[in-house]
């Protein structure tokens, strides 16, 4: 499974971001297209629940995300 960052932009200053785990970018795009003009819900990494009406979104951006283990980075600098 790969991790993808999906960002929903409402205007230049307002957006919501979520992370999904799926096989490929093609599958991620297909999933986002199926969600178009509907309500979706998800809980983010901070435990905050979101309900989103995707018809109010102006731009959706999908990119593969490569998570960095910050604990290793801190240990390496010591």
N, C-alpha and C. Protein backbone atom coordinates (compact mmCIF):
# COMPACT_ATOMS: atom_id res chain seq x y z
N UNK A 1 0.83 -1.19 0.00
CA UNK A 1 0.00 0.00 0.00
C UNK A 1 0.87 1.24 0.00
N UNK A 2 0.44 2.23 -0.76
CA UNK A 2 1.12 3.52 -0.78
C UNK A 2 0.26 4.54 -0.03
N UNK A 3 0.91 5.59 0.42
CA UNK A 3 0.19 6.65 1.11
C UNK A 3 0.11 7.87 0.19
N UNK A 4 -1.10 8.46 0.10
CA UNK A 4 -1.31 9.63 -0.73
C UNK A 4 -1.90 10.76 0.10
N UNK A 5 -1.44 11.95 -0.18
CA UNK A 5 -1.96 13.17 0.46
C UNK A 5 -2.99 13.75 -0.49
N UNK A 6 -4.21 13.94 0.02
CA UNK A 6 -5.29 14.53 -0.78
C UNK A 6 -5.64 15.86 -0.14
N UNK A 7 -5.55 16.93 -0.91
CA UNK A 7 -5.84 18.26 -0.41
C UNK A 7 -7.04 18.82 -1.17
N UNK A 8 -8.05 19.26 -0.42
CA UNK A 8 -9.26 19.87 -0.99
C UNK A 8 -9.17 21.37 -0.75
N UNK A 9 -9.06 22.14 -1.82
CA UNK A 9 -8.96 23.60 -1.72
C UNK A 9 -10.32 24.24 -1.97
N UNK A 10 -10.71 25.16 -1.08
CA UNK A 10 -11.95 25.91 -1.24
C UNK A 10 -11.68 27.28 -1.85
N UNK A 11 -10.55 27.87 -1.53
CA UNK A 11 -10.06 29.12 -2.12
C UNK A 11 -8.57 29.17 -1.83
N UNK A 12 -7.94 30.32 -2.03
CA UNK A 12 -6.49 30.41 -1.85
C UNK A 12 -6.03 30.17 -0.41
N UNK A 13 -6.91 30.40 0.56
CA UNK A 13 -6.50 30.33 1.96
C UNK A 13 -7.09 29.16 2.74
N UNK A 14 -8.12 28.52 2.22
CA UNK A 14 -8.82 27.50 3.00
C UNK A 14 -8.76 26.15 2.32
N UNK A 15 -8.32 25.16 3.10
CA UNK A 15 -8.24 23.81 2.55
C UNK A 15 -8.33 22.78 3.68
N UNK A 16 -8.64 21.55 3.30
CA UNK A 16 -8.62 20.41 4.22
C UNK A 16 -7.76 19.35 3.57
N UNK A 17 -6.96 18.68 4.38
CA UNK A 17 -6.05 17.66 3.86
C UNK A 17 -6.34 16.34 4.55
N UNK A 18 -6.25 15.26 3.80
CA UNK A 18 -6.36 13.93 4.39
C UNK A 18 -5.35 13.00 3.74
N UNK A 19 -5.06 11.91 4.40
CA UNK A 19 -4.12 10.92 3.89
C UNK A 19 -4.86 9.62 3.68
N UNK A 20 -4.64 9.00 2.53
CA UNK A 20 -5.28 7.73 2.22
C UNK A 20 -4.21 6.69 1.91
N UNK A 21 -4.55 5.44 2.17
CA UNK A 21 -3.66 4.32 1.85
C UNK A 21 -4.36 3.48 0.79
N UNK A 22 -3.72 3.38 -0.37
CA UNK A 22 -4.32 2.68 -1.51
C UNK A 22 -3.20 2.16 -2.40
N UNK A 23 -3.51 1.25 -3.31
CA UNK A 23 -2.50 0.56 -4.10
C UNK A 23 -1.69 1.44 -5.05
N UNK A 24 -2.33 2.42 -5.70
CA UNK A 24 -1.64 3.20 -6.72
C UNK A 24 -2.28 4.58 -6.86
N UNK A 25 -1.58 5.46 -7.57
CA UNK A 25 -2.14 6.79 -7.81
C UNK A 25 -3.38 6.70 -8.69
N UNK A 26 -3.39 5.77 -9.62
CA UNK A 26 -4.57 5.59 -10.48
C UNK A 26 -5.80 5.23 -9.65
N UNK A 27 -5.62 4.35 -8.65
CA UNK A 27 -6.73 3.97 -7.76
C UNK A 27 -7.15 5.15 -6.89
N UNK A 28 -6.18 5.96 -6.45
CA UNK A 28 -6.49 7.15 -5.65
C UNK A 28 -7.33 8.13 -6.46
N UNK A 29 -6.94 8.36 -7.71
CA UNK A 29 -7.69 9.27 -8.58
C UNK A 29 -9.11 8.73 -8.80
N UNK A 30 -9.22 7.44 -9.04
CA UNK A 30 -10.53 6.82 -9.24
C UNK A 30 -11.43 7.00 -8.01
N UNK A 31 -10.85 6.81 -6.82
CA UNK A 31 -11.61 6.98 -5.58
C UNK A 31 -12.10 8.42 -5.42
N UNK A 32 -11.21 9.39 -5.67
CA UNK A 32 -11.57 10.80 -5.54
C UNK A 32 -12.65 11.17 -6.56
N UNK A 33 -12.55 10.64 -7.77
CA UNK A 33 -13.56 10.92 -8.79
C UNK A 33 -14.92 10.36 -8.39
N UNK A 34 -14.94 9.19 -7.76
CA UNK A 34 -16.21 8.60 -7.30
C UNK A 34 -16.83 9.42 -6.18
N UNK A 35 -16.01 10.12 -5.41
CA UNK A 35 -16.50 10.93 -4.29
C UNK A 35 -17.00 12.31 -4.74
N UNK A 36 -16.80 12.64 -6.00
CA UNK A 36 -17.16 13.96 -6.51
C UNK A 36 -18.64 14.26 -6.29
N UNK A 37 -18.93 15.48 -5.84
CA UNK A 37 -20.30 15.97 -5.61
C UNK A 37 -21.07 15.14 -4.59
N UNK A 38 -20.39 14.68 -3.56
CA UNK A 38 -21.07 13.94 -2.50
C UNK A 38 -20.47 14.33 -1.15
N UNK A 39 -21.08 13.84 -0.09
CA UNK A 39 -20.54 14.05 1.25
C UNK A 39 -19.60 12.91 1.59
N UNK A 40 -18.44 13.25 2.13
CA UNK A 40 -17.52 12.23 2.63
C UNK A 40 -17.20 12.58 4.07
N UNK A 41 -16.73 11.60 4.83
CA UNK A 41 -16.31 11.86 6.20
C UNK A 41 -15.03 11.09 6.47
N UNK A 42 -14.20 11.66 7.33
CA UNK A 42 -12.96 11.01 7.71
C UNK A 42 -12.45 11.63 9.00
N UNK A 43 -11.60 10.90 9.69
CA UNK A 43 -10.95 11.39 10.90
C UNK A 43 -9.48 11.58 10.59
N UNK A 44 -8.94 12.75 10.90
CA UNK A 44 -7.54 13.02 10.58
C UNK A 44 -6.61 12.44 11.65
N UNK A 45 -5.31 12.62 11.45
CA UNK A 45 -4.31 12.04 12.35
C UNK A 45 -4.37 12.61 13.76
N UNK A 46 -5.01 13.78 13.92
CA UNK A 46 -5.15 14.38 15.25
C UNK A 46 -6.42 13.91 15.95
N UNK A 47 -7.20 13.05 15.27
CA UNK A 47 -8.44 12.55 15.84
C UNK A 47 -9.63 13.46 15.59
N UNK A 48 -9.49 14.44 14.72
CA UNK A 48 -10.58 15.38 14.42
C UNK A 48 -11.43 14.79 13.30
N UNK A 49 -12.74 14.74 13.52
CA UNK A 49 -13.69 14.20 12.55
C UNK A 49 -14.09 15.30 11.57
N UNK A 50 -14.12 14.98 10.28
CA UNK A 50 -14.49 15.94 9.25
C UNK A 50 -15.62 15.37 8.39
N UNK A 51 -16.58 16.20 8.05
CA UNK A 51 -17.57 15.90 7.02
C UNK A 51 -17.38 16.95 5.95
N UNK A 52 -17.28 16.52 4.72
CA UNK A 52 -16.95 17.42 3.63
C UNK A 52 -17.91 17.22 2.47
N UNK A 53 -18.51 18.31 2.00
CA UNK A 53 -19.32 18.27 0.79
C UNK A 53 -18.38 18.58 -0.37
N UNK A 54 -18.02 17.58 -1.14
CA UNK A 54 -17.02 17.76 -2.19
C UNK A 54 -17.50 18.66 -3.32
N UNK A 55 -18.80 18.94 -3.40
CA UNK A 55 -19.27 19.85 -4.45
C UNK A 55 -18.84 21.29 -4.19
N UNK A 56 -18.42 21.61 -2.94
CA UNK A 56 -17.96 22.96 -2.61
C UNK A 56 -16.46 23.15 -2.83
N UNK A 57 -15.78 22.12 -3.28
CA UNK A 57 -14.34 22.16 -3.47
C UNK A 57 -14.01 22.70 -4.85
N UNK A 58 -13.03 23.60 -4.93
CA UNK A 58 -12.62 24.16 -6.23
C UNK A 58 -11.52 23.35 -6.88
N UNK A 59 -10.57 22.87 -6.06
CA UNK A 59 -9.42 22.12 -6.60
C UNK A 59 -9.14 20.94 -5.66
N UNK A 60 -8.85 19.78 -6.25
CA UNK A 60 -8.40 18.63 -5.47
C UNK A 60 -7.01 18.28 -5.97
N UNK A 61 -6.08 18.11 -5.05
CA UNK A 61 -4.71 17.77 -5.39
C UNK A 61 -4.36 16.44 -4.74
N UNK A 62 -3.80 15.52 -5.53
CA UNK A 62 -3.40 14.21 -5.02
C UNK A 62 -1.91 14.04 -5.29
N UNK A 63 -1.16 13.66 -4.26
CA UNK A 63 0.26 13.38 -4.47
C UNK A 63 0.69 12.25 -3.56
N UNK A 64 1.63 11.43 -4.04
CA UNK A 64 2.14 10.37 -3.20
C UNK A 64 2.92 11.01 -2.07
N UNK A 65 2.78 10.46 -0.87
CA UNK A 65 3.39 11.03 0.31
C UNK A 65 4.42 10.06 0.85
N UNK A 66 5.59 10.56 1.15
CA UNK A 66 6.66 9.76 1.72
C UNK A 66 6.92 10.26 3.13
N UNK A 67 6.34 9.56 4.09
CA UNK A 67 6.42 9.97 5.49
C UNK A 67 7.84 9.82 6.02
N UNK A 68 8.31 10.82 6.75
CA UNK A 68 9.65 10.81 7.33
C UNK A 68 9.51 10.52 8.82
N UNK A 69 10.28 9.56 9.31
CA UNK A 69 10.28 9.23 10.73
C UNK A 69 11.10 10.30 11.45
N UNK A 70 10.43 11.21 12.11
CA UNK A 70 11.10 12.33 12.78
C UNK A 70 11.91 11.89 13.99
N UNK A 71 11.59 10.75 14.59
CA UNK A 71 12.37 10.28 15.74
C UNK A 71 13.76 9.88 15.33
N UNK A 72 13.91 9.30 14.14
CA UNK A 72 15.24 8.94 13.64
C UNK A 72 16.06 10.18 13.31
N UNK A 73 15.38 11.21 12.81
CA UNK A 73 16.07 12.45 12.45
C UNK A 73 16.62 13.13 13.71
N UNK A 74 15.87 13.11 14.80
CA UNK A 74 16.30 13.72 16.05
C UNK A 74 17.46 12.93 16.63
N UNK A 75 17.40 11.61 16.61
CA UNK A 75 18.48 10.79 17.15
C UNK A 75 19.78 10.95 16.36
N UNK A 76 19.67 11.13 15.04
CA UNK A 76 20.86 11.27 14.20
C UNK A 76 21.58 12.58 14.46
N UNK A 77 20.86 13.61 14.89
CA UNK A 77 21.50 14.91 15.11
C UNK A 77 22.20 15.01 16.46
N UNK A 78 22.02 14.01 17.32
CA UNK A 78 22.65 14.06 18.67
C UNK A 78 24.02 13.45 18.67
